[in-house]
Amino acid sequence: MLIRNRPDIASSDITPHSVYLRRRDILAGAVGIGVSAMLPLRTARAAPVAAQKSAFSTDETPTRREDATSYNNFYEFGTDKADPAAKAGSLKPSPWSVKIDGLVRKPATMTLEDILKPVMLEERIYRLRCVEGWSMVIPWIGFPLADLIKRVEPLGSAKYVAFETLVRPEEMPGQRGLFQPLPWPYVEGLRLDEAMHPLTILATGMYGETLPNQNGAPLRLVVPWKYGFKSIKSIVRISLVETQPPTTWKALADDEYGFYSNVNPEVDHPRWSQATERRIGEGSGLFAKRRPTLMFNGYGEQVAHLYSGMDLRANY
């Protein structure tokens, strides 16, 4: 990966390189996207969820719920940060099922109710660090991904876990139109040991409530030591595989978005520094407070051993 030093720029001004190159296509194919800021934000509170507190939580003050549910990346609903909250009301998160297949002894297609029946939901307050240079602290509600993977009994040949997001253009306006910002479905992947780590969770809620549509309802991945785009939303398929699976952003811009995507302040994005970050809710623009970015997003003590002996510049 190219290591370049760039002056800090406001994260609100950052557009992923692949989207920037296709900006004319996006504008031509997304009539009305320019007025999304005038649409009402759909951040109504969802049903409350009971969850026990987790010892894995950070003691940092959570970001305001209103900020966390109105400033999102979810390109299935548009490329602007306000688009998901404004447009995700069309998504129908129930009924929902997830196909779990690949190198497992017990492949299955489970309803969300099937998935949740045997698990104990926890509230885990995790930091979320976006590759664009902003961060949040969110009280997620969910359960360890490892609990679900164990139920399907992985084979010894399984080395990675691949994830796939819903494709439903009639409910996801960002998937409609002649020119698309991303190829669908959105796909992500983890190494099996990363997926089985106790910090890795599947979230079904946040702020004591069911997960809002714009935040990935009804089921999303949360891997707190990686950049936020690894936390794939609205999951419909989980596959255990032998070789490293394709991931959306790596396929689009391999020099900017690597497979591992661990938070590493020493490795700059080719177009901006990753040394500092802006916590949402602590100002904006030129006067926004900046704070040092933590290695592995502050979770190094728990996860650094997963990458022992690896060159974290080459394996970005």
Protein backbone atom coordinates (compact mmCIF):
# COMPACT_ATOMS: atom_id res chain seq x y z
CA MET A 1 0.00 0.00 0.00
CA LEU A 2 1.27 3.49 -0.80
CA ILE A 3 2.05 5.46 2.33
CA ARG A 4 1.51 9.15 1.76
CA ASN A 5 1.33 11.98 4.22
CA ARG A 6 -1.61 14.29 3.58
CA PRO A 7 -2.95 17.20 5.62
CA ASP A 8 -6.11 16.49 7.59
CA ILE A 9 -9.31 17.21 5.73
CA ALA A 10 -12.85 17.33 7.00
CA SER A 11 -14.30 13.83 6.90
CA SER A 12 -17.58 15.23 5.61
CA ASP A 13 -15.70 16.23 2.44
CA ILE A 14 -14.33 12.75 1.80
CA THR A 15 -15.76 10.58 -0.96
CA PRO A 16 -14.41 7.05 -1.60
CA HIS A 17 -12.13 7.08 -4.65
CA SER A 18 -14.23 4.65 -6.69
CA VAL A 19 -17.36 6.70 -6.11
CA TYR A 20 -15.52 9.93 -6.94
CA LEU A 21 -14.46 8.49 -10.30
CA ARG A 22 -18.07 7.58 -11.07
CA ARG A 23 -19.65 10.72 -9.66
CA ARG A 24 -21.21 11.79 -12.96
CA ASP A 25 -22.80 8.38 -13.42
CA ILE A 26 -24.16 8.44 -9.89
CA LEU A 27 -25.66 11.89 -10.36
CA ALA A 28 -27.18 10.91 -13.69
CA GLY A 29 -28.71 7.73 -12.35
CA ALA A 30 -29.92 8.94 -8.98
CA VAL A 31 -32.60 11.53 -9.67
CA GLY A 32 -33.57 13.26 -6.48
CA ILE A 33 -30.51 12.28 -4.48
CA GLY A 34 -29.49 15.93 -4.29
CA VAL A 35 -32.57 16.83 -2.28
CA SER A 36 -32.18 14.05 0.27
CA ALA A 37 -31.21 16.57 2.94
CA MET A 38 -34.71 18.05 2.69
CA LEU A 39 -36.40 14.73 3.45
CA PRO A 40 -37.43 13.95 7.03
CA LEU A 41 -34.98 11.73 8.89
CA ARG A 42 -36.55 8.42 9.83
CA THR A 43 -35.06 7.98 13.26
CA ALA A 44 -38.19 7.06 15.18
CA ARG A 45 -37.48 4.86 18.14
CA ALA A 46 -37.86 1.13 17.66
CA ALA A 47 -39.05 -1.55 20.08
CA PRO A 48 -37.07 -1.87 23.34
CA VAL A 49 -34.78 -4.88 23.73
CA ALA A 50 -33.71 -6.59 26.94
CA ALA A 51 -29.98 -7.26 27.12
CA GLN A 52 -27.45 -7.89 29.86
CA LYS A 53 -24.46 -5.57 30.25
CA SER A 54 -21.17 -6.88 28.91
CA ALA A 55 -17.74 -6.66 30.48
CA PHE A 56 -16.32 -6.09 26.99
CA SER A 57 -17.71 -2.54 26.88
CA THR A 58 -15.62 0.62 26.80
CA ASP A 59 -16.30 3.18 29.52
CA GLU A 60 -16.37 6.06 27.01
CA THR A 61 -19.50 8.19 26.70
CA PRO A 62 -21.74 6.93 23.87
CA THR A 63 -22.42 9.12 20.87
CA ARG A 64 -25.89 10.64 20.86
CA ARG A 65 -28.44 8.26 19.42
CA GLU A 66 -29.68 10.98 17.08
CA ASP A 67 -26.19 11.31 15.57
CA ALA A 68 -25.57 7.58 15.28
CA THR A 69 -28.86 7.01 13.48
CA SER A 70 -28.66 9.94 11.08
CA TYR A 71 -25.01 9.91 9.91
CA ASN A 72 -24.42 6.59 8.17
CA ASN A 73 -22.77 4.82 5.26
CA PHE A 74 -25.27 2.42 3.67
CA TYR A 75 -24.97 2.79 -0.09
CA GLU A 76 -27.99 0.60 -0.73
CA PHE A 77 -29.97 3.71 0.23
CA GLY A 78 -27.69 6.36 -1.27
CA THR A 79 -24.19 7.76 -1.07
CA ASP A 80 -24.89 10.77 1.14
CA LYS A 81 -24.53 10.34 4.91
CA ALA A 82 -28.16 11.45 5.39
CA ASP A 83 -29.60 9.13 2.74
CA PRO A 84 -29.97 5.98 4.87
CA ALA A 85 -31.99 7.69 7.59
CA ALA A 86 -34.13 9.48 5.00
CA LYS A 87 -34.77 6.51 2.72
CA ALA A 88 -34.41 3.27 4.69
CA GLY A 89 -38.00 3.30 5.87
CA SER A 90 -38.86 1.31 2.75
CA LEU A 91 -36.86 -1.70 3.96
CA LYS A 92 -38.93 -4.56 5.36
CA PRO A 93 -36.72 -6.29 7.97
CA SER A 94 -39.38 -8.86 8.88
CA PRO A 95 -39.73 -11.66 8.03
CA TRP A 96 -35.99 -12.31 7.65
CA SER A 97 -33.85 -15.36 7.07
CA VAL A 98 -30.12 -16.03 6.77
CA LYS A 99 -28.57 -18.82 4.74
CA ILE A 100 -25.54 -20.39 6.43
CA ASP A 101 -23.64 -22.72 4.15
CA GLY A 102 -20.25 -23.73 2.78
CA LEU A 103 -17.78 -25.84 4.71
CA VAL A 104 -20.09 -26.82 7.57
CA ARG A 105 -21.66 -30.07 8.72
CA LYS A 106 -25.06 -28.55 9.33
CA PRO A 107 -25.91 -25.99 6.66
CA ALA A 108 -29.18 -24.23 7.33
CA THR A 109 -31.46 -21.40 6.41
CA MET A 110 -32.54 -19.82 9.68
CA THR A 111 -35.17 -17.23 10.41
CA LEU A 112 -34.08 -14.38 12.63
CA GLU A 113 -36.20 -15.96 15.38
CA ASP A 114 -34.31 -19.26 14.94
CA ILE A 115 -31.00 -17.44 15.22
CA LEU A 116 -31.95 -15.54 18.36
CA LYS A 117 -33.82 -18.28 20.21
CA PRO A 118 -30.81 -19.85 21.98
CA VAL A 119 -28.64 -16.75 22.43
CA MET A 120 -28.26 -14.36 25.32
CA LEU A 121 -28.29 -10.78 24.04
CA GLU A 122 -25.71 -8.41 25.48
CA GLU A 123 -25.20 -4.66 25.37
CA ARG A 124 -21.64 -3.89 24.30
CA ILE A 125 -20.45 -0.32 24.07
CA TYR A 126 -17.89 -0.33 21.27
CA ARG A 127 -15.90 2.31 19.46
CA LEU A 128 -16.62 2.55 15.74
CA ARG A 129 -13.85 4.05 13.55
CA CYS A 130 -14.58 4.91 9.92
CA VAL A 131 -11.83 4.89 7.31
CA GLU A 132 -13.02 8.40 6.36
CA GLY A 133 -11.66 9.75 9.65
CA TRP A 134 -14.69 9.96 11.94
CA SER A 135 -15.65 7.82 14.89
CA MET A 136 -18.52 7.07 17.26
CA VAL A 137 -19.13 5.14 20.47
CA ILE A 138 -22.23 2.97 20.16
CA PRO A 139 -24.04 0.72 22.66
CA TRP A 140 -24.76 -2.26 20.43
CA ILE A 141 -27.08 -5.11 21.36
CA GLY A 142 -26.08 -8.50 20.00
CA PHE A 143 -24.31 -11.79 20.55
CA PRO A 144 -20.96 -13.35 19.59
CA LEU A 145 -20.80 -14.46 15.97
CA ALA A 146 -18.92 -17.52 17.25
CA ASP A 147 -22.11 -18.78 18.91
CA LEU A 148 -23.86 -19.00 15.55
CA ILE A 149 -20.88 -20.47 13.69
CA LYS A 150 -20.51 -23.24 16.26
CA ARG A 151 -24.12 -24.28 15.71
CA VAL A 152 -23.43 -25.19 12.06
CA GLU A 153 -20.21 -27.10 12.96
CA PRO A 154 -17.42 -25.80 10.68
CA LEU A 155 -15.25 -28.33 8.88
CA GLY A 156 -11.51 -28.37 9.42
CA SER A 157 -11.00 -26.99 5.92
CA ALA A 158 -12.89 -23.78 6.70
CA LYS A 159 -10.46 -20.84 7.00
CA TYR A 160 -12.61 -17.79 6.27
CA VAL A 161 -16.16 -16.51 6.70
CA ALA A 162 -17.90 -14.69 3.83
CA PHE A 163 -20.90 -12.40 4.29
CA GLU A 164 -23.52 -11.10 1.86
CA THR A 165 -26.01 -8.24 2.12
CA LEU A 166 -29.59 -8.16 0.91
CA VAL A 167 -30.37 -7.23 -2.69
CA ARG A 168 -33.89 -5.84 -2.90
CA PRO A 169 -34.03 -2.84 -5.29
CA GLU A 170 -37.73 -2.29 -4.71
CA GLU A 171 -36.92 -1.47 -1.08
CA MET A 172 -33.36 -0.17 -1.45
CA PRO A 173 -33.37 2.87 -3.75
CA GLY A 174 -29.59 2.95 -3.96
CA GLN A 175 -29.73 -0.34 -5.87
CA ARG A 176 -31.97 1.13 -8.56
CA GLY A 177 -31.00 3.04 -11.67
CA LEU A 178 -28.74 2.51 -14.66
CA PHE A 179 -25.52 3.52 -12.92
CA GLN A 180 -24.70 2.05 -9.53
CA PRO A 181 -22.08 3.26 -7.01
CA LEU A 182 -21.23 -0.33 -5.99
CA PRO A 183 -21.76 -3.82 -7.40
CA TRP A 184 -24.50 -5.74 -5.58
CA PRO A 185 -24.67 -7.66 -3.38
CA TYR A 186 -22.30 -5.99 -0.95
CA VAL A 187 -19.88 -8.66 0.31
CA GLU A 188 -17.37 -8.85 3.16
CA GLY A 189 -15.16 -11.41 4.81
CA LEU A 190 -13.14 -12.30 7.88
CA ARG A 191 -10.56 -14.89 8.71
CA LEU A 192 -12.19 -17.65 10.76
CA ASP A 193 -10.20 -16.82 13.89
CA GLU A 194 -11.29 -13.17 13.58
CA ALA A 195 -14.91 -14.25 13.22
CA MET A 196 -14.64 -16.52 16.26
CA HIS A 197 -13.03 -13.86 18.46
CA PRO A 198 -15.26 -12.96 21.42
CA LEU A 199 -15.28 -9.26 20.46
CA THR A 200 -16.88 -10.02 17.08
CA ILE A 201 -20.65 -9.81 17.33
CA LEU A 202 -23.80 -9.91 15.25
CA ALA A 203 -25.86 -6.91 16.30
CA THR A 204 -29.66 -6.84 16.33
CA GLY A 205 -30.08 -3.59 18.23
CA MET A 206 -28.50 -0.41 19.57
CA TYR A 207 -29.31 2.09 22.32
CA GLY A 208 -31.57 -0.43 24.03
CA GLU A 209 -33.81 -0.84 20.96
CA THR A 210 -34.11 -2.99 17.87
CA LEU A 211 -31.68 -2.04 15.11
CA PRO A 212 -32.95 0.83 12.92
CA ASN A 213 -33.12 0.13 9.20
CA GLN A 214 -30.45 2.71 8.40
CA ASN A 215 -28.01 1.02 10.78
CA GLY A 216 -28.31 -2.42 9.19
CA ALA A 217 -31.56 -4.00 10.38
CA PRO A 218 -32.24 -6.61 11.30
CA LEU A 219 -28.75 -8.18 11.55
CA ARG A 220 -25.30 -6.68 11.05
CA LEU A 221 -21.70 -7.53 11.80
CA VAL A 222 -19.67 -5.48 14.30
CA VAL A 223 -15.88 -5.97 14.46
CA PRO A 224 -14.67 -3.14 16.72
CA TRP A 225 -10.96 -3.22 15.88
CA LYS A 226 -11.57 -2.84 12.13
CA TYR A 227 -12.73 0.11 10.04
CA GLY A 228 -16.49 0.46 9.89
CA PHE A 229 -16.97 -0.72 6.32
CA LYS A 230 -16.11 -4.24 7.50
CA SER A 231 -19.32 -4.22 9.55
CA ILE A 232 -21.60 -5.50 6.80
CA LYS A 233 -25.31 -4.67 7.23
CA SER A 234 -28.63 -6.46 6.59
CA ILE A 235 -26.94 -9.86 6.28
CA VAL A 236 -28.72 -12.60 4.32
CA ARG A 237 -25.92 -15.14 3.84
CA ILE A 238 -22.93 -16.39 5.82
CA SER A 239 -20.61 -18.90 4.14
CA LEU A 240 -17.59 -20.71 5.52
CA VAL A 241 -14.93 -21.08 2.85
CA GLU A 242 -11.36 -22.27 2.41
CA THR A 243 -9.86 -19.32 0.54
CA GLN A 244 -9.98 -15.59 1.17
CA PRO A 245 -13.36 -14.36 -0.07
CA PRO A 246 -13.86 -11.27 -2.21
CA THR A 247 -14.86 -8.07 -0.44
CA THR A 248 -16.63 -5.14 -2.09
CA TRP A 249 -14.27 -2.28 -1.31
CA LYS A 250 -11.10 -4.32 -1.91
CA ALA A 251 -12.43 -5.28 -5.33
CA LEU A 252 -13.13 -1.63 -6.17
CA ALA A 253 -9.94 -0.06 -4.81
CA ASP A 254 -7.37 -2.61 -3.69
CA ASP A 255 -4.75 0.02 -2.83
CA GLU A 256 -7.15 1.80 -0.45
CA TYR A 257 -9.29 -0.89 1.20
CA GLY A 258 -7.43 -4.07 2.08
CA PHE A 259 -8.95 -7.34 3.22
CA TYR A 260 -7.85 -6.94 6.84
CA SER A 261 -8.76 -3.27 7.30
CA ASN A 262 -7.52 -3.16 10.88
CA VAL A 263 -7.43 0.33 12.37
CA ASN A 264 -3.79 1.35 12.08
CA PRO A 265 -2.86 5.03 12.57
CA GLU A 266 0.63 4.34 11.18
CA VAL A 267 -0.72 3.43 7.74
CA ASP A 268 -2.32 6.35 5.95
CA HIS A 269 -5.07 6.01 3.45
CA PRO A 270 -3.53 6.97 0.08
CA ARG A 271 -5.59 10.19 0.10
CA TRP A 272 -5.52 11.26 3.76
CA SER A 273 -3.92 10.63 7.14
CA GLN A 274 -5.33 8.08 9.57
CA ALA A 275 -3.33 9.45 12.51
CA THR A 276 -6.28 11.36 14.01
CA GLU A 277 -10.08 11.13 13.99
CA ARG A 278 -13.13 13.30 14.58
CA ARG A 279 -15.63 11.98 17.11
CA ILE A 280 -19.14 12.66 15.85
CA GLY A 281 -20.82 15.15 18.19
CA GLU A 282 -17.58 16.98 19.04
CA GLY A 283 -17.82 19.75 16.47
CA SER A 284 -17.51 19.86 12.70
CA GLY A 285 -15.55 21.53 9.92
CA LEU A 286 -12.33 23.40 10.66
CA PHE A 287 -13.19 23.65 14.35
CA ALA A 288 -13.86 19.95 14.90
CA LYS A 289 -11.89 18.42 17.73
CA ARG A 290 -9.38 15.81 16.59
CA ARG A 291 -8.15 12.95 18.75
CA PRO A 292 -5.31 10.47 18.15
CA THR A 293 -6.40 7.26 16.42
CA LEU A 294 -5.70 4.19 18.54
CA MET A 295 -4.01 1.10 17.15
CA PHE A 296 -6.66 -1.56 16.53
CA ASN A 297 -9.14 1.14 17.56
CA GLY A 298 -8.04 0.64 21.18
CA TYR A 299 -8.58 -3.13 21.20
CA GLY A 300 -4.95 -4.12 20.67
CA GLU A 301 -4.63 -5.92 23.99
CA GLN A 302 -7.39 -8.30 22.94
CA VAL A 303 -6.62 -8.81 19.24
CA ALA A 304 -2.97 -7.97 18.42
CA HIS A 305 -1.99 -11.63 18.83
CA LEU A 306 -4.15 -12.53 15.83
CA TYR A 307 -1.62 -10.75 13.60
CA SER A 308 1.63 -11.81 15.24
CA GLY A 309 4.41 -11.90 12.65
CA MET A 310 2.32 -10.16 9.97
CA ASP A 311 3.42 -7.00 8.20
CA LEU A 312 0.51 -4.72 9.01
CA ARG A 313 1.54 -2.29 6.28
CA ALA A 314 1.43 -4.93 3.58
CA ASN A 315 -1.64 -6.58 5.10
CA TYR A 316 -3.65 -3.39 5.54
